[in-house]
Amino acid sequence: MHSQYTPLRFSLSFLSLLHRYDRIFNMKFLPPGRGLWAMGSPLTEQRGLYAALNNCAFVSTESMRTDPVKPFVFLMDASMLGVDMSLHLNCSSP
């Protein structure tokens, strides 16, 4: 039987893990500041606002015919949590 998984080379994986740990411990490589600010805080744990852990998001106005406010509510919520937003304006005529 042929295995579909690549065998783990423990020595290389362990060295990579040590290298990454050293960089995180010495603050040379860290998650985004927004993630450090929100992880494990009441913002995510009690309020359930996990969108604060995102770096960027995208919203389209394509669904405005059925719910004209929905894209802008999402845009405002994400912006208030510090998420960089991209907005696609669907400007086709009705």
N, C-alpha and C. Protein backbone atom coordinates (compact mmCIF):
# COMPACT_ATOMS: atom_id res chain seq x y z
N MET A 1 0.85 -1.18 0.00
CA MET A 1 0.00 0.00 0.00
C MET A 1 0.89 1.25 0.00
N HIS A 2 0.59 2.18 -0.87
CA HIS A 2 1.38 3.40 -1.01
C HIS A 2 0.80 4.49 -0.10
N SER A 3 1.63 5.08 0.71
CA SER A 3 1.19 6.13 1.62
C SER A 3 1.14 7.46 0.88
N GLN A 4 0.11 8.24 1.12
CA GLN A 4 -0.03 9.54 0.47
C GLN A 4 0.61 10.67 1.28
N TYR A 5 1.11 10.35 2.44
CA TYR A 5 1.69 11.36 3.31
C TYR A 5 3.20 11.38 3.19
N THR A 6 3.78 12.57 3.26
CA THR A 6 5.23 12.72 3.24
C THR A 6 5.76 12.44 4.64
N PRO A 7 6.77 11.62 4.75
CA PRO A 7 7.30 11.34 6.09
C PRO A 7 7.89 12.60 6.72
N LEU A 8 7.68 12.73 8.00
CA LEU A 8 8.17 13.89 8.74
C LEU A 8 9.64 13.71 9.06
N ARG A 9 10.42 14.69 8.69
CA ARG A 9 11.84 14.67 9.05
C ARG A 9 11.98 15.46 10.34
N PHE A 10 12.02 14.73 11.43
CA PHE A 10 11.96 15.33 12.76
C PHE A 10 13.07 16.33 12.99
N SER A 11 14.28 16.04 12.56
CA SER A 11 15.39 16.94 12.86
C SER A 11 15.19 18.31 12.20
N LEU A 12 14.75 18.33 10.94
CA LEU A 12 14.53 19.61 10.26
C LEU A 12 13.34 20.34 10.86
N SER A 13 12.28 19.61 11.20
CA SER A 13 11.11 20.24 11.79
C SER A 13 11.44 20.84 13.15
N PHE A 14 12.21 20.12 13.93
CA PHE A 14 12.58 20.61 15.26
C PHE A 14 13.47 21.84 15.16
N LEU A 15 14.42 21.83 14.22
CA LEU A 15 15.28 23.01 14.04
C LEU A 15 14.46 24.21 13.58
N SER A 16 13.51 23.98 12.71
CA SER A 16 12.65 25.07 12.26
C SER A 16 11.82 25.61 13.42
N LEU A 17 11.32 24.73 14.26
CA LEU A 17 10.56 25.15 15.43
C LEU A 17 11.41 25.96 16.40
N LEU A 18 12.63 25.53 16.65
CA LEU A 18 13.53 26.28 17.54
C LEU A 18 13.85 27.66 16.96
N HIS A 19 14.08 27.70 15.66
CA HIS A 19 14.39 28.98 14.99
C HIS A 19 13.19 29.93 15.11
N ARG A 20 11.99 29.42 14.88
CA ARG A 20 10.79 30.26 14.98
C ARG A 20 10.56 30.72 16.41
N TYR A 21 10.73 29.82 17.38
CA TYR A 21 10.57 30.19 18.79
C TYR A 21 11.55 31.30 19.17
N ASP A 22 12.80 31.18 18.73
CA ASP A 22 13.81 32.20 19.04
C ASP A 22 13.39 33.55 18.47
N ARG A 23 12.88 33.56 17.24
CA ARG A 23 12.47 34.83 16.63
C ARG A 23 11.27 35.44 17.34
N ILE A 24 10.32 34.62 17.75
CA ILE A 24 9.15 35.15 18.47
C ILE A 24 9.56 35.65 19.85
N PHE A 25 10.36 34.88 20.56
CA PHE A 25 10.79 35.25 21.91
C PHE A 25 11.57 36.56 21.90
N ASN A 26 12.40 36.78 20.87
CA ASN A 26 13.19 38.01 20.77
C ASN A 26 12.49 39.11 19.97
N MET A 27 11.20 38.92 19.71
CA MET A 27 10.34 39.90 19.03
C MET A 27 10.86 40.32 17.67
N LYS A 28 11.42 39.37 16.94
CA LYS A 28 11.83 39.62 15.56
C LYS A 28 10.76 39.17 14.58
N PHE A 29 9.89 38.29 15.04
CA PHE A 29 8.83 37.74 14.21
C PHE A 29 7.61 37.56 15.10
N LEU A 30 6.56 38.32 14.85
CA LEU A 30 5.37 38.25 15.70
C LEU A 30 4.11 38.29 14.84
N PRO A 31 3.00 37.81 15.39
CA PRO A 31 1.73 38.01 14.69
C PRO A 31 1.43 39.50 14.60
N PRO A 32 0.47 39.90 13.78
CA PRO A 32 0.13 41.32 13.68
C PRO A 32 -0.25 41.91 15.04
N GLY A 33 0.00 43.17 15.22
CA GLY A 33 -0.29 43.85 16.48
C GLY A 33 -1.75 43.73 16.86
N ARG A 34 -2.64 43.77 15.88
CA ARG A 34 -4.06 43.62 16.14
C ARG A 34 -4.33 42.25 16.78
N GLY A 35 -3.64 41.23 16.30
CA GLY A 35 -3.80 39.89 16.86
C GLY A 35 -3.27 39.82 18.28
N LEU A 36 -2.11 40.43 18.53
CA LEU A 36 -1.56 40.45 19.88
C LEU A 36 -2.48 41.19 20.84
N TRP A 37 -3.11 42.24 20.33
CA TRP A 37 -4.00 43.05 21.14
C TRP A 37 -5.28 42.29 21.49
N ALA A 38 -5.82 41.50 20.54
CA ALA A 38 -7.13 40.90 20.71
C ALA A 38 -7.10 39.45 21.20
N MET A 39 -6.03 38.72 20.95
CA MET A 39 -6.01 37.29 21.30
C MET A 39 -6.17 37.08 22.80
N GLY A 40 -7.14 36.26 23.15
CA GLY A 40 -7.35 35.90 24.54
C GLY A 40 -7.95 37.00 25.39
N SER A 41 -8.30 38.12 24.79
CA SER A 41 -8.86 39.23 25.55
C SER A 41 -10.38 39.07 25.66
N PRO A 42 -11.01 39.85 26.52
CA PRO A 42 -12.48 39.80 26.61
C PRO A 42 -13.16 40.15 25.28
N LEU A 43 -12.48 40.89 24.42
CA LEU A 43 -13.04 41.25 23.12
C LEU A 43 -13.38 40.01 22.31
N THR A 44 -12.49 39.02 22.31
CA THR A 44 -12.76 37.80 21.56
C THR A 44 -13.45 36.75 22.42
N GLU A 45 -13.02 36.59 23.65
CA GLU A 45 -13.54 35.50 24.47
C GLU A 45 -14.96 35.75 24.98
N GLN A 46 -15.28 36.95 25.41
CA GLN A 46 -16.61 37.21 25.96
C GLN A 46 -17.58 37.77 24.91
N ARG A 47 -17.08 38.66 24.06
CA ARG A 47 -17.95 39.27 23.06
C ARG A 47 -18.02 38.49 21.76
N GLY A 48 -17.04 37.61 21.53
CA GLY A 48 -17.05 36.80 20.31
C GLY A 48 -16.72 37.58 19.05
N LEU A 49 -15.99 38.68 19.17
CA LEU A 49 -15.62 39.50 18.01
C LEU A 49 -14.29 39.03 17.43
N TYR A 50 -14.32 37.85 16.81
CA TYR A 50 -13.09 37.28 16.27
C TYR A 50 -12.63 37.98 14.99
N ALA A 51 -13.45 38.85 14.44
CA ALA A 51 -13.04 39.62 13.26
C ALA A 51 -11.86 40.53 13.58
N ALA A 52 -11.65 40.84 14.86
CA ALA A 52 -10.53 41.69 15.25
C ALA A 52 -9.20 41.01 14.99
N LEU A 53 -9.19 39.70 14.78
CA LEU A 53 -7.95 38.98 14.51
C LEU A 53 -7.59 39.01 13.02
N ASN A 54 -8.47 39.51 12.18
CA ASN A 54 -8.22 39.55 10.74
C ASN A 54 -7.39 40.77 10.36
N ASN A 55 -6.53 40.59 9.37
CA ASN A 55 -5.74 41.70 8.86
C ASN A 55 -6.51 42.50 7.82
N CYS A 56 -7.22 41.80 6.96
CA CYS A 56 -7.92 42.50 5.88
C CYS A 56 -9.19 41.75 5.52
N ALA A 57 -10.10 42.46 4.87
CA ALA A 57 -11.38 41.88 4.46
C ALA A 57 -11.85 42.58 3.19
N PHE A 58 -12.83 41.98 2.55
CA PHE A 58 -13.36 42.48 1.30
C PHE A 58 -14.88 42.44 1.38
N VAL A 59 -15.52 43.46 0.88
CA VAL A 59 -16.99 43.48 0.84
C VAL A 59 -17.42 44.02 -0.52
N SER A 60 -18.51 43.47 -1.02
CA SER A 60 -19.06 43.89 -2.31
C SER A 60 -20.46 44.45 -2.09
N THR A 61 -20.86 45.36 -2.94
CA THR A 61 -22.19 45.94 -2.88
C THR A 61 -23.17 45.20 -3.79
N GLU A 62 -22.79 44.03 -4.23
CA GLU A 62 -23.63 43.28 -5.17
C GLU A 62 -24.99 42.90 -4.57
N SER A 63 -25.05 42.68 -3.26
CA SER A 63 -26.30 42.25 -2.62
C SER A 63 -27.16 43.42 -2.16
N MET A 64 -26.88 44.62 -2.62
CA MET A 64 -27.61 45.80 -2.13
C MET A 64 -29.08 45.82 -2.54
N ARG A 65 -29.43 45.10 -3.59
CA ARG A 65 -30.84 45.11 -4.00
C ARG A 65 -31.72 44.39 -2.98
N THR A 66 -31.19 43.35 -2.37
CA THR A 66 -31.99 42.62 -1.37
C THR A 66 -31.83 43.20 0.02
N ASP A 67 -30.64 43.68 0.35
CA ASP A 67 -30.38 44.27 1.67
C ASP A 67 -29.42 45.44 1.49
N PRO A 68 -29.94 46.64 1.28
CA PRO A 68 -29.09 47.78 0.92
C PRO A 68 -28.11 48.24 2.00
N VAL A 69 -28.32 47.84 3.24
CA VAL A 69 -27.48 48.33 4.33
C VAL A 69 -26.37 47.34 4.69
N LYS A 70 -26.56 46.06 4.38
CA LYS A 70 -25.67 44.99 4.84
C LYS A 70 -24.19 45.23 4.52
N PRO A 71 -23.80 45.60 3.29
CA PRO A 71 -22.36 45.79 3.04
C PRO A 71 -21.74 46.89 3.88
N PHE A 72 -22.49 47.93 4.14
CA PHE A 72 -21.95 49.06 4.88
C PHE A 72 -21.89 48.79 6.39
N VAL A 73 -22.80 47.95 6.88
CA VAL A 73 -22.74 47.53 8.29
C VAL A 73 -21.48 46.71 8.51
N PHE A 74 -21.23 45.76 7.59
CA PHE A 74 -20.02 44.95 7.69
C PHE A 74 -18.77 45.82 7.57
N LEU A 75 -18.78 46.76 6.64
CA LEU A 75 -17.65 47.66 6.43
C LEU A 75 -17.36 48.46 7.70
N MET A 76 -18.38 48.97 8.34
CA MET A 76 -18.20 49.78 9.55
C MET A 76 -17.74 48.93 10.72
N ASP A 77 -18.37 47.75 10.90
CA ASP A 77 -17.97 46.86 12.00
C ASP A 77 -16.51 46.47 11.88
N ALA A 78 -16.10 46.06 10.69
CA ALA A 78 -14.72 45.62 10.49
C ALA A 78 -13.75 46.79 10.65
N SER A 79 -14.12 47.95 10.16
CA SER A 79 -13.25 49.12 10.29
C SER A 79 -13.05 49.51 11.75
N MET A 80 -14.10 49.41 12.55
CA MET A 80 -14.01 49.76 13.97
C MET A 80 -13.14 48.77 14.75
N LEU A 81 -12.97 47.56 14.21
CA LEU A 81 -12.11 46.56 14.85
C LEU A 81 -10.68 46.63 14.31
N GLY A 82 -10.39 47.58 13.42
CA GLY A 82 -9.04 47.75 12.92
C GLY A 82 -8.71 46.91 11.71
N VAL A 83 -9.71 46.36 11.04
CA VAL A 83 -9.48 45.51 9.87
C VAL A 83 -9.39 46.42 8.64
N ASP A 84 -8.34 46.23 7.82
CA ASP A 84 -8.23 46.98 6.57
C ASP A 84 -9.28 46.45 5.61
N MET A 85 -10.03 47.34 4.98
CA MET A 85 -11.16 46.94 4.15
C MET A 85 -10.96 47.32 2.70
N SER A 86 -11.42 46.44 1.81
CA SER A 86 -11.54 46.73 0.39
C SER A 86 -13.01 46.68 0.05
N LEU A 87 -13.44 47.62 -0.74
CA LEU A 87 -14.86 47.73 -1.11
C LEU A 87 -14.99 47.68 -2.62
N HIS A 88 -15.83 46.78 -3.10
CA HIS A 88 -16.11 46.68 -4.52
C HIS A 88 -17.49 47.27 -4.76
N LEU A 89 -17.55 48.36 -5.50
CA LEU A 89 -18.83 49.00 -5.79
C LEU A 89 -19.37 48.43 -7.08
N ASN A 90 -20.46 47.70 -6.99
CA ASN A 90 -21.12 47.15 -8.17
C ASN A 90 -22.04 48.22 -8.71
N CYS A 91 -21.60 48.93 -9.72
CA CYS A 91 -22.31 50.12 -10.21
C CYS A 91 -23.19 49.82 -11.42
N SER A 92 -23.65 48.60 -11.58
CA SER A 92 -24.51 48.31 -12.73
C SER A 92 -25.87 48.92 -12.50
N SER A 93 -26.48 49.38 -13.57
CA SER A 93 -27.78 50.03 -13.45
C SER A 93 -28.88 48.99 -13.29
N PRO A 94 -29.98 49.33 -12.57
CA PRO A 94 -31.07 48.36 -12.34
C PRO A 94 -31.82 47.97 -13.58
